[in-house]
Structure formats: structure tokens, C-alpha cells
């Protein structure tokens, strides 16, 4: 009986160690289960809280168990001028660069604008950063939002539009 008890205790310690190791992941794109646990159900921006579209979310791990998250939100309740620019949330727990421009850790709104610009706004809808985005004409199956690894950096896509992101 003592052997069984000792075996059970060893298995429990092994599983705890394996879970701890699994939680300490290195840099890389988040999978669907990780997104489900990290992406908020609603997001506050410009005086309102809007539902977040989990199915249209993406992100990546940053060293030290920190995250970059992006997701589309339902902007139907927003004023037309805000909804025209605000498409989703962007949360980064570490300083990043977007197309070479620095963005401090924080919570933001973002939009890919018709004039070829990607805008990042603080939660009061004030512009923090504006950079040009790229078009991926070779992309066959564009989806509303995704994040993909790209040789030590990441591409943040909205359809065929994308911006490059690097961790500082």
C-alpha cells in the first residue's frame, strides 16, 4: 500500500512540474486555447465597453510570460467617427515596435484606415501612433485578424493588410 501511495505522490509532483514547465512558454504565436484564456470578453474604449470577437483574435508570447494581444470588437454602438477608425483592441505587456515606431506597454485601440495607414489610439481615442501598412497580395485565404511569426518578428494581419511587430 505504501508503494502505491508513494507512486501516486510521485505522479502528482511530476504532473505539477510538467504543468509549471508548460506554463513557462517561450516566445511564439498563441494557440486557440491560450487566446481563450487571455483575451477579454469586453473592452473599454472611448467611454464604452464593447464585446470582443474571440474568433477574430491573435497574439504572441513575449519572453517572461508576457503577452501581445489583438482582437476585433463590435463597434456598432460607437459614434460613426470613432467606429470608422476603431476596429479592435491591442494590448501589449512589453514595449514593441510597429513598423519601426515604438509603442510602450499598454492597452490601445487600433484601426487599418482606407488611406493606407495603421493607427493606434489610447483608450480615449487619441492617436498614439500612425504608420503605413503593407498589402499581402499573395495571401490566398485572408481572415479578419491573425498574427503570424516572421523570422524573429511578427506580422499582424487584418485581411490582407499587415504591419510588422518586433519586441524591444
Protein backbone atom coordinates (compact mmCIF):
# COMPACT_ATOMS: atom_id res chain seq x y z
CA UNK A 1 0.00 0.00 0.00
CA UNK A 2 2.86 2.40 0.79
CA UNK A 3 4.31 1.76 -2.68
CA UNK A 4 1.04 2.79 -4.30
CA UNK A 5 0.81 5.92 -2.16
CA UNK A 6 4.43 6.83 -2.94
CA UNK A 7 3.80 6.25 -6.64
CA UNK A 8 0.72 8.48 -6.59
CA UNK A 9 2.68 11.24 -4.80
CA UNK A 10 5.48 10.99 -7.38
CA UNK A 11 2.99 11.17 -10.27
CA UNK A 12 1.33 14.25 -8.71
CA UNK A 13 4.70 16.01 -8.32
CA UNK A 14 5.65 15.06 -11.89
CA UNK A 15 2.37 16.44 -13.27
CA UNK A 16 2.75 19.66 -11.26
CA UNK A 17 6.27 20.09 -12.64
CA UNK A 18 5.08 19.40 -16.17
CA UNK A 19 2.25 21.94 -15.82
CA UNK A 20 4.64 24.56 -14.45
CA UNK A 21 7.04 23.93 -17.34
CA UNK A 22 4.18 24.11 -19.87
CA UNK A 23 3.09 27.49 -18.46
CA UNK A 24 6.57 28.95 -18.88
CA UNK A 25 6.49 29.06 -22.64
CA UNK A 26 8.95 30.95 -24.79
CA UNK A 27 8.16 33.50 -27.45
CA UNK A 28 5.70 32.39 -30.12
CA UNK A 29 2.18 32.72 -31.51
CA UNK A 30 -0.65 31.93 -29.09
CA UNK A 31 -2.86 28.95 -29.85
CA UNK A 32 -6.68 28.99 -29.68
CA UNK A 33 -6.80 27.72 -26.08
CA UNK A 34 -4.28 30.32 -24.90
CA UNK A 35 -6.27 33.06 -26.63
CA UNK A 36 -9.48 31.83 -24.99
CA UNK A 37 -7.89 32.31 -21.57
CA UNK A 38 -6.17 35.64 -22.28
CA UNK A 39 -8.49 37.70 -24.49
CA UNK A 40 -11.05 39.75 -22.52
CA UNK A 41 -14.76 39.27 -23.23
CA UNK A 42 -15.31 43.04 -23.41
CA UNK A 43 -13.04 46.04 -23.90
CA UNK A 44 -13.39 49.63 -22.71
CA UNK A 45 -12.63 52.29 -25.32
CA UNK A 46 -13.81 55.89 -25.68
CA UNK A 47 -16.42 55.81 -22.93
CA UNK A 48 -17.99 52.44 -23.78
CA UNK A 49 -17.44 48.75 -23.25
CA UNK A 50 -17.79 46.64 -26.41
CA UNK A 51 -17.92 42.85 -26.89
CA UNK A 52 -14.67 41.33 -28.15
CA UNK A 53 -14.71 38.84 -31.04
CA UNK A 54 -12.66 35.92 -29.68
CA UNK A 55 -12.87 34.16 -33.07
CA UNK A 56 -11.07 37.18 -34.57
CA UNK A 57 -8.18 37.45 -32.14
CA UNK A 58 -4.47 36.71 -32.16
CA UNK A 59 -1.35 37.25 -30.17
CA UNK A 60 2.03 36.02 -29.13
CA UNK A 61 4.11 35.24 -26.07
CA UNK A 62 6.87 37.62 -25.15
CA UNK A 63 9.79 36.34 -23.06
CA UNK A 64 8.98 36.31 -19.36
CA UNK A 65 5.40 35.08 -19.83
CA UNK A 66 4.20 38.45 -21.09
CA UNK A 67 1.72 38.79 -23.95
CA UNK A 68 0.78 40.76 -27.03
CA UNK A 69 -2.96 40.50 -27.81
CA UNK A 70 -5.13 41.89 -30.59
CA UNK A 71 -8.80 41.28 -31.32
CA UNK A 72 -11.65 42.80 -33.29
CA UNK A 73 -14.51 44.33 -31.30
CA UNK A 74 -18.16 45.06 -32.04
CA UNK A 75 -18.19 48.81 -32.67
CA UNK A 76 -21.88 49.09 -33.55
CA UNK A 77 -22.67 51.32 -30.54
CA UNK A 78 -19.92 53.83 -31.23
CA UNK A 79 -20.26 57.19 -32.95
CA UNK A 80 -19.56 56.99 -36.70
CA UNK A 81 -16.28 58.93 -36.47
CA UNK A 82 -14.91 56.61 -33.77
CA UNK A 83 -16.18 53.39 -35.42
CA UNK A 84 -14.55 54.42 -38.72
CA UNK A 85 -11.10 54.31 -37.06
CA UNK A 86 -11.55 51.87 -34.17
CA UNK A 87 -11.64 48.23 -35.24
CA UNK A 88 -10.17 46.42 -32.28
CA UNK A 89 -8.11 46.19 -29.15
CA UNK A 90 -4.36 45.92 -28.90
CA UNK A 91 -2.73 45.03 -25.58
CA UNK A 92 0.99 44.66 -25.10
CA UNK A 93 2.68 43.88 -21.80
CA UNK A 94 6.10 44.90 -23.12
CA UNK A 95 7.42 47.70 -25.33
CA UNK A 96 7.18 46.80 -29.04
CA UNK A 97 7.88 48.47 -32.35
CA UNK A 98 5.27 48.64 -35.09
CA UNK A 99 6.88 49.27 -38.47
CA UNK A 100 9.86 50.74 -36.61
CA UNK A 101 7.85 53.09 -34.34
CA UNK A 102 7.96 52.41 -30.60
CA UNK A 103 4.80 51.59 -28.68
CA UNK A 104 5.03 51.36 -24.86
CA UNK A 105 3.34 48.61 -22.89
CA UNK A 106 -0.34 49.39 -22.54
CA UNK A 107 -3.89 48.92 -23.77
CA UNK A 108 -4.94 50.56 -27.02
CA UNK A 109 -7.46 50.66 -29.83
CA UNK A 110 -6.36 50.17 -33.44
CA UNK A 111 -7.60 50.57 -36.98
CA UNK A 112 -6.44 49.88 -40.54
CA UNK A 113 -7.58 53.00 -42.38
CA UNK A 114 -8.59 53.37 -46.06
CA UNK A 115 -5.69 55.78 -46.68
CA UNK A 116 -3.09 53.02 -46.16
CA UNK A 117 -2.37 53.87 -42.52
CA UNK A 118 -2.46 51.78 -39.36
CA UNK A 119 -3.46 53.88 -36.37
CA UNK A 120 -3.03 53.07 -32.67
CA UNK A 121 -5.08 55.10 -30.18
CA UNK A 122 -5.15 55.35 -26.40
CA UNK A 123 -8.43 54.39 -24.69
CA UNK A 124 -9.64 57.99 -25.04
CA UNK A 125 -9.38 57.67 -28.88
CA UNK A 126 -6.34 59.99 -29.12
CA UNK A 127 -3.80 58.95 -31.77
CA UNK A 128 -0.63 57.48 -30.27
CA UNK A 129 0.95 56.16 -33.48
CA UNK A 130 0.26 56.18 -37.20
CA UNK A 131 2.32 54.08 -39.63
CA UNK A 132 1.85 52.79 -43.16
CA UNK A 133 0.64 49.21 -43.56
CA UNK A 134 1.52 46.64 -46.23
CA UNK A 135 -0.78 44.65 -48.54
CA UNK A 136 -0.15 40.92 -48.99
CA UNK A 137 -1.50 40.32 -52.49
CA UNK A 138 -0.17 36.73 -52.43
CA UNK A 139 -2.33 35.80 -49.42
CA UNK A 140 -4.99 33.42 -50.73
CA UNK A 141 -7.14 32.94 -47.63
CA UNK A 142 -7.39 36.24 -45.87
CA UNK A 143 -9.11 36.15 -42.48
CA UNK A 144 -10.42 39.11 -40.46
CA UNK A 145 -7.49 39.06 -37.99
CA UNK A 146 -4.43 36.92 -37.32
CA UNK A 147 -0.87 37.09 -36.01
CA UNK A 148 1.91 35.03 -37.63
CA UNK A 149 5.59 34.60 -36.80
CA UNK A 150 8.00 36.11 -39.33
CA UNK A 151 11.72 35.39 -38.79
CA UNK A 152 12.08 36.68 -35.24
CA UNK A 153 9.25 39.19 -35.51
CA UNK A 154 5.51 39.02 -36.20
CA UNK A 155 3.01 40.09 -38.83
CA UNK A 156 -0.29 41.43 -37.56
CA UNK A 157 -2.91 40.95 -40.30
CA UNK A 158 -6.40 42.34 -40.84
CA UNK A 159 -7.48 40.67 -44.05
CA UNK A 160 -4.61 41.23 -46.50
CA UNK A 161 -3.38 44.35 -44.68
CA UNK A 162 -0.50 43.87 -42.24
CA UNK A 163 2.06 45.62 -40.07
CA UNK A 164 5.34 44.23 -38.76
CA UNK A 165 5.81 43.97 -35.00
CA UNK A 166 9.04 43.42 -33.08
CA UNK A 167 9.57 43.10 -29.35
CA UNK A 168 12.01 45.67 -27.94
